[in-house]
C-alpha atoms as a PDB file:
ATOM      1  CA  MET A   1      67.743 116.214 155.391  1.00  0.00           C
ATOM      2  CA  ALA A   2      68.795 112.551 155.863  1.00  0.00           C
ATOM      3  CA  ASN A   3      66.496 110.336 157.790  1.00  0.00           C
ATOM      4  CA  PRO A   4      68.095 109.502 161.159  1.00  0.00           C
ATOM      5  CA  SER A   5      67.379 105.836 160.549  1.00  0.00           C
ATOM      6  CA  ASP A   6      69.615 105.955 157.450  1.00  0.00           C
ATOM      7  CA  LEU A   7      72.617 106.889 159.610  1.00  0.00           C
ATOM      8  CA  GLN A   8      72.315 103.837 161.829  1.00  0.00           C
ATOM      9  CA  PRO A   9      74.916 101.050 161.243  1.00  0.00           C
ATOM     10  CA  PRO A  10      73.581  97.811 159.783  1.00  0.00           C
ATOM     11  CA  PRO A  11      72.906  94.951 162.141  1.00  0.00           C
ATOM     12  CA  ALA A  12      75.966  92.933 163.203  1.00  0.00           C
ATOM     13  CA  GLY A  13      74.541  89.895 161.478  1.00  0.00           C
ATOM     14  CA  GLY A  14      74.636  91.741 158.170  1.00  0.00           C
ATOM     15  CA  PHE A  15      78.397  92.230 158.481  1.00  0.00           C
ATOM     16  CA  ARG A  16      78.869  88.525 159.162  1.00  0.00           C
ATOM     17  CA  VAL A  17      76.796  87.541 156.141  1.00  0.00           C
ATOM     18  CA  GLY A  18      78.740  89.969 153.934  1.00  0.00           C
ATOM     19  CA  ARG A  19      82.102  88.715 155.137  1.00  0.00           C
ATOM     20  CA  ARG A  20      81.046  85.101 154.664  1.00  0.00           C
ATOM     21  CA  ARG A  21      79.839  85.787 151.141  1.00  0.00           C
ATOM     22  CA  LEU A  22      83.090  87.617 150.296  1.00  0.00           C
ATOM     23  CA  LEU A  23      85.168  84.784 151.727  1.00  0.00           C
ATOM     24  CA  LEU A  24      83.236  82.219 149.692  1.00  0.00           C
ATOM     25  CA  GLU A  25      83.702  84.281 146.551  1.00  0.00           C
ATOM     26  CA  ILE A  26      87.467  84.551 147.165  1.00  0.00           C
ATOM     27  CA  VAL A  27      87.761  80.824 147.822  1.00  0.00           C
ATOM     28  CA  GLY A  28      85.764  80.120 144.674  1.00  0.00           C
ATOM     29  CA  VAL A  29      87.956  82.363 142.524  1.00  0.00           C
ATOM     30  CA  VAL A  30      91.191  80.943 143.957  1.00  0.00           C
ATOM     31  CA  GLY A  31      89.913  77.389 143.561  1.00  0.00           C
ATOM     32  CA  ALA A  32      88.855  77.977 139.981  1.00  0.00           C
ATOM     33  CA  PHE A  33      92.221  79.553 139.156  1.00  0.00           C
ATOM     34  CA  ALA A  34      94.082  76.658 140.788  1.00  0.00           C
ATOM     35  CA  LEU A  35      91.982  74.233 138.762  1.00  0.00           C
ATOM     36  CA  VAL A  36      92.873  76.090 135.574  1.00  0.00           C
ATOM     37  CA  LEU A  37      96.594  75.924 136.442  1.00  0.00           C
ATOM     38  CA  TRP A  38      96.388  72.227 137.296  1.00  0.00           C
ATOM     39  CA  GLY A  39      94.545  71.534 134.066  1.00  0.00           C
ATOM     40  CA  ALA A  40      97.102  73.506 132.076  1.00  0.00           C
ATOM     41  CA  PHE A  41      99.963  71.584 133.698  1.00  0.00           C
ATOM     42  CA  ALA A  42      98.449  68.133 133.198  1.00  0.00           C
ATOM     43  CA  LEU A  43      97.102  68.809 129.722  1.00  0.00           C
ATOM     44  CA  GLY A  44     100.320  70.505 128.618  1.00  0.00           C
ATOM     45  CA  ALA A  45     102.434  67.458 129.502  1.00  0.00           C
ATOM     46  CA  TRP A  46      99.931  65.060 127.924  1.00  0.00           C
ATOM     47  CA  ILE A  47      99.755  67.004 124.677  1.00  0.00           C
ATOM     48  CA  ALA A  48     103.508  67.573 124.490  1.00  0.00           C
ATOM     49  CA  VAL A  49     104.489  63.905 124.611  1.00  0.00           C
ATOM     50  CA  ARG A  50     102.021  63.064 121.851  1.00  0.00           C
ATOM     51  CA  SER A  51     103.028  65.999 119.695  1.00  0.00           C
ATOM     52  CA  VAL A  52     106.705  65.011 119.347  1.00  0.00           C
ATOM     53  CA  PRO A  53     106.273  63.523 115.829  1.00  0.00           C
ATOM     54  CA  TYR A  54     104.893  66.867 114.654  1.00  0.00           C
ATOM     55  CA  ILE A  55     107.681  68.997 116.145  1.00  0.00           C
ATOM     56  CA  PRO A  56     110.584  69.592 113.723  1.00  0.00           C
ATOM     57  CA  VAL A  57     113.958  68.149 114.733  1.00  0.00           C
ATOM     58  CA  SER A  58     115.336  71.678 114.626  1.00  0.00           C
ATOM     59  CA  ALA A  59     113.910  71.984 118.144  1.00  0.00           C
ATOM     60  CA  ASP A  60     116.044  69.037 119.292  1.00  0.00           C
ATOM     61  CA  ILE A  61     119.109  70.588 117.685  1.00  0.00           C
ATOM     62  CA  THR A  62     118.615  74.004 119.270  1.00  0.00           C
ATOM     63  CA  ILE A  63     118.138  72.570 122.751  1.00  0.00           C
ATOM     64  CA  GLY A  64     120.942  70.024 122.458  1.00  0.00           C
ATOM     65  CA  GLU A  65     123.496  72.462 121.088  1.00  0.00           C
ATOM     66  CA  GLN A  66     122.928  74.976 123.878  1.00  0.00           C
ATOM     67  CA  ALA A  67     123.112  72.298 126.572  1.00  0.00           C
ATOM     68  CA  TRP A  68     126.208  70.765 124.959  1.00  0.00           C
ATOM     69  CA  ASP A  69     128.162  73.986 125.327  1.00  0.00           C
ATOM     70  CA  GLN A  70     127.403  73.864 129.047  1.00  0.00           C
ATOM     71  CA  LEU A  71     128.122  70.172 129.604  1.00  0.00           C
ATOM     72  CA  ALA A  72     131.094  69.689 127.291  1.00  0.00           C
ATOM     73  CA  PRO A  73     132.751  73.107 126.936  1.00  0.00           C
ATOM     74  CA  LYS A  74     136.125  73.525 125.238  1.00  0.00           C
ATOM     75  CA  SER A  75     137.810  73.788 128.629  1.00  0.00           C
ATOM     76  CA  ARG A  76     136.843  70.162 129.407  1.00  0.00           C
ATOM     77  CA  GLN A  77     137.671  68.632 126.042  1.00  0.00           C
ATOM     78  CA  CYS A  78     140.738  66.481 125.469  1.00  0.00           C
ATOM     79  CA  THR A  79     143.656  68.491 124.141  1.00  0.00           C
ATOM     80  CA  ASP A  80     145.357  65.613 122.326  1.00  0.00           C
ATOM     81  CA  PRO A  81     143.664  65.169 118.922  1.00  0.00           C
ATOM     82  CA  SER A  82     144.045  61.370 118.993  1.00  0.00           C
ATOM     83  CA  ALA A  83     141.029  60.853 121.278  1.00  0.00           C
ATOM     84  CA  GLN A  84     138.718  62.982 119.140  1.00  0.00           C
ATOM     85  CA  ALA A  85     139.991  61.374 115.928  1.00  0.00           C
ATOM     86  CA  PHE A  86     139.472  57.881 117.350  1.00  0.00           C
ATOM     87  CA  VAL A  87     135.847  58.479 118.380  1.00  0.00           C
ATOM     88  CA  GLU A  88     134.978  60.129 115.066  1.00  0.00           C
ATOM     89  CA  ALA A  89     136.549  57.238 113.138  1.00  0.00           C
ATOM     90  CA  VAL A  90     134.642  54.637 115.180  1.00  0.00           C
ATOM     91  CA  ALA A  91     131.384  56.551 114.745  1.00  0.00           C
ATOM     92  CA  ALA A  92     131.796  57.079 110.987  1.00  0.00           C
ATOM     93  CA  PRO A  93     130.577  53.634 109.787  1.00  0.00           C
ATOM     94  CA  LEU A  94     127.673  53.770 112.241  1.00  0.00           C
ATOM     95  CA  VAL A  95     126.463  57.149 111.023  1.00  0.00           C
ATOM     96  CA  ALA A  96     126.962  56.058 107.407  1.00  0.00           C
ATOM     97  CA  ALA A  97     124.792  52.979 107.998  1.00  0.00           C
ATOM     98  CA  LEU A  98     121.929  55.010 109.462  1.00  0.00           C
ATOM     99  CA  GLU A  99     118.867  55.266 107.259  1.00  0.00           C
ATOM    100  CA  ASP A 100     117.738  58.344 109.178  1.00  0.00           C
ATOM    101  CA  ASP A 101     119.625  61.439 108.032  1.00  0.00           C
ATOM    102  CA  ARG A 102     117.751  64.048 110.073  1.00  0.00           C
ATOM    103  CA  PHE A 103     120.638  64.552 112.479  1.00  0.00           C
ATOM    104  CA  ALA A 104     124.222  65.591 111.746  1.00  0.00           C
ATOM    105  CA  PHE A 105     125.949  63.778 114.600  1.00  0.00           C
ATOM    106  CA  LYS A 106     128.806  65.514 116.374  1.00  0.00           C
ATOM    107  CA  PHE A 107     131.141  64.048 118.974  1.00  0.00           C
ATOM    108  CA  ARG A 108     133.327  65.413 121.747  1.00  0.00           C
ATOM    109  CA  VAL A 109     135.722  63.634 124.085  1.00  0.00           C
ATOM    110  CA  VAL A 110     136.069  65.215 127.517  1.00  0.00           C
ATOM    111  CA  ASP A 111     138.826  64.811 130.085  1.00  0.00           C
ATOM    112  CA  ASP A 112     136.820  62.856 132.641  1.00  0.00           C
ATOM    113  CA  ASP A 113     137.790  59.497 134.147  1.00  0.00           C
ATOM    114  CA  ALA A 114     134.169  58.470 134.773  1.00  0.00           C
ATOM    115  CA  ILE A 115     133.213  55.581 132.496  1.00  0.00           C
ATOM    116  CA  ASN A 116     130.345  57.248 130.710  1.00  0.00           C
ATOM    117  CA  ALA A 117     128.917  58.610 127.482  1.00  0.00           C
ATOM    118  CA  PHE A 118     125.724  60.519 126.813  1.00  0.00           C
ATOM    119  CA  ALA A 119     123.811  61.949 123.890  1.00  0.00           C
ATOM    120  CA  LEU A 120     121.839  65.175 123.878  1.00  0.00           C
ATOM    121  CA  PRO A 121     118.851  65.881 121.626  1.00  0.00           C
ATOM    122  CA  GLY A 122     119.865  66.822 118.116  1.00  0.00           C
ATOM    123  CA  GLY A 123     122.863  64.502 117.779  1.00  0.00           C
ATOM    124  CA  PHE A 124     125.420  65.921 120.212  1.00  0.00           C
ATOM    125  CA  VAL A 125     127.335  63.023 121.770  1.00  0.00           C
ATOM    126  CA  THR A 126     129.857  63.304 124.592  1.00  0.00           C
ATOM    127  CA  VAL A 127     132.301  60.519 125.420  1.00  0.00           C
ATOM    128  CA  ASN A 128     134.325  60.560 128.622  1.00  0.00           C
ATOM    129  CA  TYR A 129     137.977  59.638 128.208  1.00  0.00           C
ATOM    130  CA  GLY A 130     137.445  57.201 131.083  1.00  0.00           C
ATOM    131  CA  LEU A 131     135.254  55.101 128.795  1.00  0.00           C
ATOM    132  CA  LEU A 132     138.046  54.867 126.223  1.00  0.00           C
ATOM    133  CA  LYS A 133     140.500  53.787 128.918  1.00  0.00           C
ATOM    134  CA  ALA A 134     138.095  51.108 130.168  1.00  0.00           C
ATOM    135  CA  ALA A 135     137.303  49.665 126.739  1.00  0.00           C
ATOM    136  CA  SER A 136     139.320  46.657 125.587  1.00  0.00           C
ATOM    137  CA  GLY A 137     138.771  47.408 121.921  1.00  0.00           C
ATOM    138  CA  PRO A 138     137.058  49.738 119.443  1.00  0.00           C
ATOM    139  CA  GLU A 139     134.073  47.385 119.072  1.00  0.00           C
ATOM    140  CA  GLU A 140     133.056  48.122 122.650  1.00  0.00           C
ATOM    141  CA  VAL A 141     133.210  51.869 122.044  1.00  0.00           C
ATOM    142  CA  ALA A 142     131.215  51.398 118.825  1.00  0.00           C
ATOM    143  CA  ALA A 143     128.525  49.511 120.750  1.00  0.00           C
ATOM    144  CA  VAL A 144     128.179  52.353 123.252  1.00  0.00           C
ATOM    145  CA  LEU A 145     128.010  54.933 120.452  1.00  0.00           C
ATOM    146  CA  ALA A 146     125.370  52.924 118.563  1.00  0.00           C
ATOM    147  CA  HIS A 147     123.248  52.812 121.705  1.00  0.00           C
ATOM    148  CA  GLU A 148     123.568  56.568 122.271  1.00  0.00           C
ATOM    149  CA  ILE A 149     122.892  57.345 118.611  1.00  0.00           C
ATOM    150  CA  PHE A 150     119.454  55.775 118.870  1.00  0.00           C
ATOM    151  CA  HIS A 151     118.562  57.775 121.950  1.00  0.00           C
ATOM    152  CA  VAL A 152     118.912  60.718 119.550  1.00  0.00           C
ATOM    153  CA  VAL A 153     117.160  59.153 116.546  1.00  0.00           C
ATOM    154  CA  GLN A 154     114.199  58.021 118.661  1.00  0.00           C
ATOM    155  CA  ARG A 155     114.163  61.451 120.351  1.00  0.00           C
ATOM    156  CA  HIS A 156     114.155  59.910 123.816  1.00  0.00           C
ATOM    157  CA  GLY A 157     115.834  62.903 125.424  1.00  0.00           C
ATOM    158  CA  PHE A 158     113.551  65.383 123.697  1.00  0.00           C
ATOM    159  CA  ARG A 159     110.488  63.469 124.894  1.00  0.00           C
ATOM    160  CA  ARG A 160     111.746  63.517 128.470  1.00  0.00           C
ATOM    161  CA  ILE A 161     112.451  67.235 128.312  1.00  0.00           C
ATOM    162  CA  LEU A 162     108.978  67.971 126.971  1.00  0.00           C
ATOM    163  CA  ARG A 163     107.415  65.818 129.664  1.00  0.00           C
ATOM    164  CA  GLN A 164     109.336  67.725 132.349  1.00  0.00           C
ATOM    165  CA  VAL A 165     108.932  71.248 131.005  1.00  0.00           C
ATOM    166  CA  SER A 166     105.731  71.425 128.986  1.00  0.00           C
ATOM    167  CA  GLY A 167     103.397  71.438 131.967  1.00  0.00           C
ATOM    168  CA  TRP A 168     105.207  74.387 133.518  1.00  0.00           C
ATOM    169  CA  LEU A 169     105.280  76.189 130.180  1.00  0.00           C
ATOM    170  CA  ALA A 170     101.517  75.798 129.922  1.00  0.00           C
ATOM    171  CA  VAL A 171     101.139  77.239 133.416  1.00  0.00           C
ATOM    172  CA  GLY A 172     103.498  80.039 132.436  1.00  0.00           C
ATOM    173  CA  ALA A 173     101.365  80.819 129.420  1.00  0.00           C
ATOM    174  CA  VAL A 174      98.327  81.169 131.682  1.00  0.00           C
ATOM    175  CA  LEU A 175     100.252  83.454 134.031  1.00  0.00           C
ATOM    176  CA  GLY A 176     101.797  85.446 131.219  1.00  0.00           C
ATOM    177  CA  TRP A 177     105.415  84.294 131.501  1.00  0.00           C
ATOM    178  CA  VAL A 178     107.241  81.663 129.485  1.00  0.00           C
ATOM    179  CA  ASP A 179     110.976  81.022 129.769  1.00  0.00           C
ATOM    180  CA  LEU A 180     112.123  78.929 126.835  1.00  0.00           C
ATOM    181  CA  GLY A 181     115.546  78.726 128.446  1.00  0.00           C
ATOM    182  CA  SER A 182     113.981  76.168 130.754  1.00  0.00           C
ATOM    183  CA  PHE A 183     114.394  73.572 128.017  1.00  0.00           C
ATOM    184  CA  THR A 184     118.172  73.940 128.073  1.00  0.00           C
ATOM    185  CA  ALA A 185     118.314  73.836 131.856  1.00  0.00           C
ATOM    186  CA  VAL A 186     116.219  70.677 131.970  1.00  0.00           C
ATOM    187  CA  ALA A 187     118.310  69.068 129.215  1.00  0.00           C
ATOM    188  CA  ALA A 188     121.435  69.626 131.300  1.00  0.00           C
ATOM    189  CA  GLY A 189     119.738  68.443 134.475  1.00  0.00           C
ATOM    190  CA  LEU A 190     118.469  65.193 132.957  1.00  0.00           C
ATOM    191  CA  ILE A 191     121.964  63.929 132.170  1.00  0.00           C
ATOM    192  CA  GLY A 192     122.774  61.082 134.509  1.00  0.00           C
ATOM    193  CA  GLN A 193     119.172  60.328 135.455  1.00  0.00           C
ATOM    194  CA  GLY A 194     118.836  57.592 132.856  1.00  0.00           C
ATOM    195  CA  TYR A 195     115.999  56.667 130.524  1.00  0.00           C
ATOM    196  CA  ASP A 196     113.091  54.388 131.255  1.00  0.00           C
ATOM    197  CA  ARG A 197     113.353  50.646 130.636  1.00  0.00           C
ATOM    198  CA  ASP A 198     111.463  50.716 127.334  1.00  0.00           C
ATOM    199  CA  GLN A 199     113.710  53.444 125.934  1.00  0.00           C
ATOM    200  CA  GLU A 200     116.850  51.589 127.011  1.00  0.00           C
ATOM    201  CA  ARG A 201     115.679  48.353 125.436  1.00  0.00           C
ATOM    202  CA  GLU A 202     114.742  50.147 122.237  1.00  0.00           C
ATOM    203  CA  SER A 203     118.184  51.741 121.989  1.00  0.00           C
ATOM    204  CA  ASP A 204     119.804  48.375 122.715  1.00  0.00           C
ATOM    205  CA  ARG A 205     117.790  46.610 120.020  1.00  0.00           C
ATOM    206  CA  LEU A 206     118.217  49.281 117.359  1.00  0.00           C
ATOM    207  CA  GLY A 207     121.846  49.829 118.317  1.00  0.00           C
ATOM    208  CA  ARG A 208     122.658  46.135 117.808  1.00  0.00           C
ATOM    209  CA  ALA A 209     120.909  46.201 114.433  1.00  0.00           C
ATOM    210  CA  LEU A 210     122.967  49.249 113.450  1.00  0.00           C
ATOM    211  CA  LEU A 211     126.203  47.503 114.446  1.00  0.00           C
ATOM    212  CA  LEU A 212     125.314  44.561 112.212  1.00  0.00           C
ATOM    213  CA  LYS A 213     124.450  46.842 109.318  1.00  0.00           C
ATOM    214  CA  ALA A 214     127.742  48.699 109.745  1.00  0.00           C
ATOM    215  CA  GLN A 215     129.594  45.336 109.913  1.00  0.00           C
ATOM    216  CA  VAL A 216     130.732  45.874 113.509  1.00  0.00           C
ATOM    217  CA  ASP A 217     130.723  42.909 115.906  1.00  0.00           C
ATOM    218  CA  PRO A 218     127.636  43.459 118.142  1.00  0.00           C
ATOM    219  CA  LYS A 219     129.120  41.397 120.978  1.00  0.00           C
ATOM    220  CA  GLY A 220     131.111  44.426 122.060  1.00  0.00           C
ATOM    221  CA  MET A 221     128.327  45.799 124.244  1.00  0.00           C
ATOM    222  CA  ALA A 222     127.890  42.486 126.060  1.00  0.00           C
ATOM    223  CA  ALA A 223     131.611  42.204 126.738  1.00  0.00           C
ATOM    224  CA  PHE A 224     131.780  45.782 127.963  1.00  0.00           C
ATOM    225  CA  PHE A 225     128.825  45.424 130.324  1.00  0.00           C
ATOM    226  CA  GLU A 226     130.001  42.095 131.705  1.00  0.00           C
ATOM    227  CA  ARG A 227     133.520  43.257 132.465  1.00  0.00           C
ATOM    228  CA  LEU A 228     132.466  46.499 134.102  1.00  0.00           C
ATOM    229  CA  ALA A 229     129.757  44.809 136.163  1.00  0.00           C
ATOM    230  CA  GLN A 230     132.429  42.554 137.669  1.00  0.00           C
ATOM    231  CA  GLU A 231     134.497  45.459 138.982  1.00  0.00           C
ATOM    232  CA  LYS A 232     134.658  45.287 142.760  1.00  0.00           C
ATOM    233  CA  THR A 233     136.255  48.637 143.526  1.00  0.00           C
ATOM    234  CA  ALA A 234     133.634  51.292 144.290  1.00  0.00           C
ATOM    235  CA  ALA A 235     135.687  53.939 142.518  1.00  0.00           C
ATOM    236  CA  LEU A 236     135.402  51.926 139.310  1.00  0.00           C
ATOM    237  CA  VAL A 237     131.633  51.568 139.315  1.00  0.00           C
ATOM    238  CA  PRO A 238     130.808  53.165 135.943  1.00  0.00           C
ATOM    239  CA  ALA A 239     128.282  55.963 135.601  1.00  0.00           C
ATOM    240  CA  PHE A 240     127.199  54.371 132.325  1.00  0.00           C
ATOM    241  CA  LEU A 241     125.991  51.264 134.156  1.00  0.00           C
ATOM    242  CA  SER A 242     124.396  53.209 136.997  1.00  0.00           C
ATOM    243  CA  THR A 243     122.102  54.911 134.490  1.00  0.00           C
ATOM    244  CA  HIS A 244     121.450  51.763 132.433  1.00  0.00           C
ATOM    245  CA  PRO A 245     119.514  49.289 134.604  1.00  0.00           C
ATOM    246  CA  GLY A 246     119.552  45.506 134.145  1.00  0.00           C
ATOM    247  CA  SER A 247     123.079  45.358 132.715  1.00  0.00           C
ATOM    248  CA  ALA A 248     123.571  41.606 133.218  1.00  0.00           C
ATOM    249  CA  GLU A 249     120.259  40.810 131.550  1.00  0.00           C
ATOM    250  CA  ARG A 250     120.963  43.143 128.661  1.00  0.00           C
ATOM    251  CA  ALA A 251     124.444  41.709 128.214  1.00  0.00           C
ATOM    252  CA  GLN A 252     122.889  38.262 127.911  1.00  0.00           C
ATOM    253  CA  GLU A 253     120.411  39.538 125.322  1.00  0.00           C
ATOM    254  CA  ALA A 254     123.274  40.973 123.311  1.00  0.00           C
ATOM    255  CA  ARG A 255     125.158  37.675 123.417  1.00  0.00           C
ATOM    256  CA  GLU A 256     122.090  35.697 122.345  1.00  0.00           C
ATOM    257  CA  GLY A 257     121.330  38.030 119.441  1.00  0.00           C
ATOM    258  CA  PRO A 258     122.411  37.430 115.840  1.00  0.00           C
ATOM    259  CA  GLY A 259     126.115  37.527 115.128  1.00  0.00           C
ATOM    260  CA  LEU A 260     128.065  39.261 112.415  1.00  0.00           C
ATOM    261  CA  GLU A 261     127.982  37.738 108.929  1.00  0.00           C
ATOM    262  CA  GLY A 262     130.768  38.520 106.532  1.00  0.00           C
ATOM    263  CA  PRO A 263     133.973  40.466 107.138  1.00  0.00           C
ATOM    264  CA  ALA A 264     134.007  43.042 109.913  1.00  0.00           C
ATOM    265  CA  VAL A 265     134.715  46.670 109.157  1.00  0.00           C
ATOM    266  CA  THR A 266     138.185  47.854 110.103  1.00  0.00           C
ATOM    267  CA  LEU A 267     138.066  50.125 113.140  1.00  0.00           C
ATOM    268  CA  PRO A 268     140.952  52.224 114.482  1.00  0.00           C
ATOM    269  CA  SER A 269     143.087  50.899 117.313  1.00  0.00           C
ATOM    270  CA  LEU A 270     142.928  52.300 120.830  1.00  0.00           C
ATOM    271  CA  GLU A 271     146.690  52.061 121.076  1.00  0.00           C
ATOM    272  CA  GLY A 272     148.283  55.460 121.437  1.00  0.00           C
ATOM    273  CA  VAL A 273     144.994  57.266 122.070  1.00  0.00           C
ATOM    274  CA  ARG A 274     145.553  60.000 124.631  1.00  0.00           C
ATOM    275  CA  CYS A 275     143.473  62.773 126.125  1.00  0.00           C
ATOM    276  CA  ARG A 276     146.084  65.311 127.126  1.00  0.00           C
ATOM    277  CA  ALA A 277     148.570  66.734 124.688  1.00  0.00           C
ATOM    278  CA  GLU A 278     152.246  65.781 124.814  1.00  0.00           C
ATOM    279  CA  GLY A 279     153.935  67.255 127.854  1.00  0.00           C
ATOM    280  CA  ALA A 280     150.815  67.226 130.036  1.00  0.00           C
ATOM    281  CA  ALA A 281     150.286  64.566 132.698  1.00  0.00           C
ATOM    282  CA  ASP A 282     148.142  61.870 131.138  1.00  0.00           C
ATOM    283  CA  GLU A 283     147.475  58.171 131.451  1.00  0.00           C
ATOM    284  CA  GLY A 284     147.269  56.396 128.125  1.00  0.00           C
ATOM    285  CA  THR A 285     144.845  53.615 127.275  1.00  0.00           C
END
């Protein structure tokens, strides 16, 4: 038979001590788990940025190609072949002069009046028709393309994507879920946010060197920046300048840089370049 004293409830103080101990244990577990997640996030981003040289460029290509289909789908592309042919012809001597052959550059011209161009990881370059309309000559378009080409070659976009996503992927690995589709979503979301100052200057410097090597007048970028920066109408403020800080200073640097020596390469004319096929409403350059 049980001892009557065994059936008595424990003192009230015992309950309080037990609850306090349980609460402390829960707080400790939650705190430790939060620390693990924070460490995974911070360490993941730190490791990712430094691991870029060891990641094959096939990763850039996969991410860029998927994002490109979202940002420059067939439904947005110019229907008149002259715009596409012009951009490819301007880009040809630049790509040929590149010493880095890791990327097979591809170009699309989209029916958008915003004065802009952007490059996705892997070599996928989009040019808005508005940029072609705003340019006074093919040299200016070539300067923009040379700049964007080196965002790809230097893997600037891929680095930014890794910095944004890698921490969350590390947390996801701890929690047991990882969505690699996040890379594509971030790639699309980063368009228009611009690169940091060091990346912009690097693309400027290398882009000018590429223009010289391809025998294209490097003053085109300076002329383009200066003219657009002088536009007073708000509707004409170019997206390209809004994402490329210090335009006046960079235009000056381009003007003070070395000039072209020897004959310039022959680039196609902008005359007759259209975005919309014959019969559709379109405004020529």
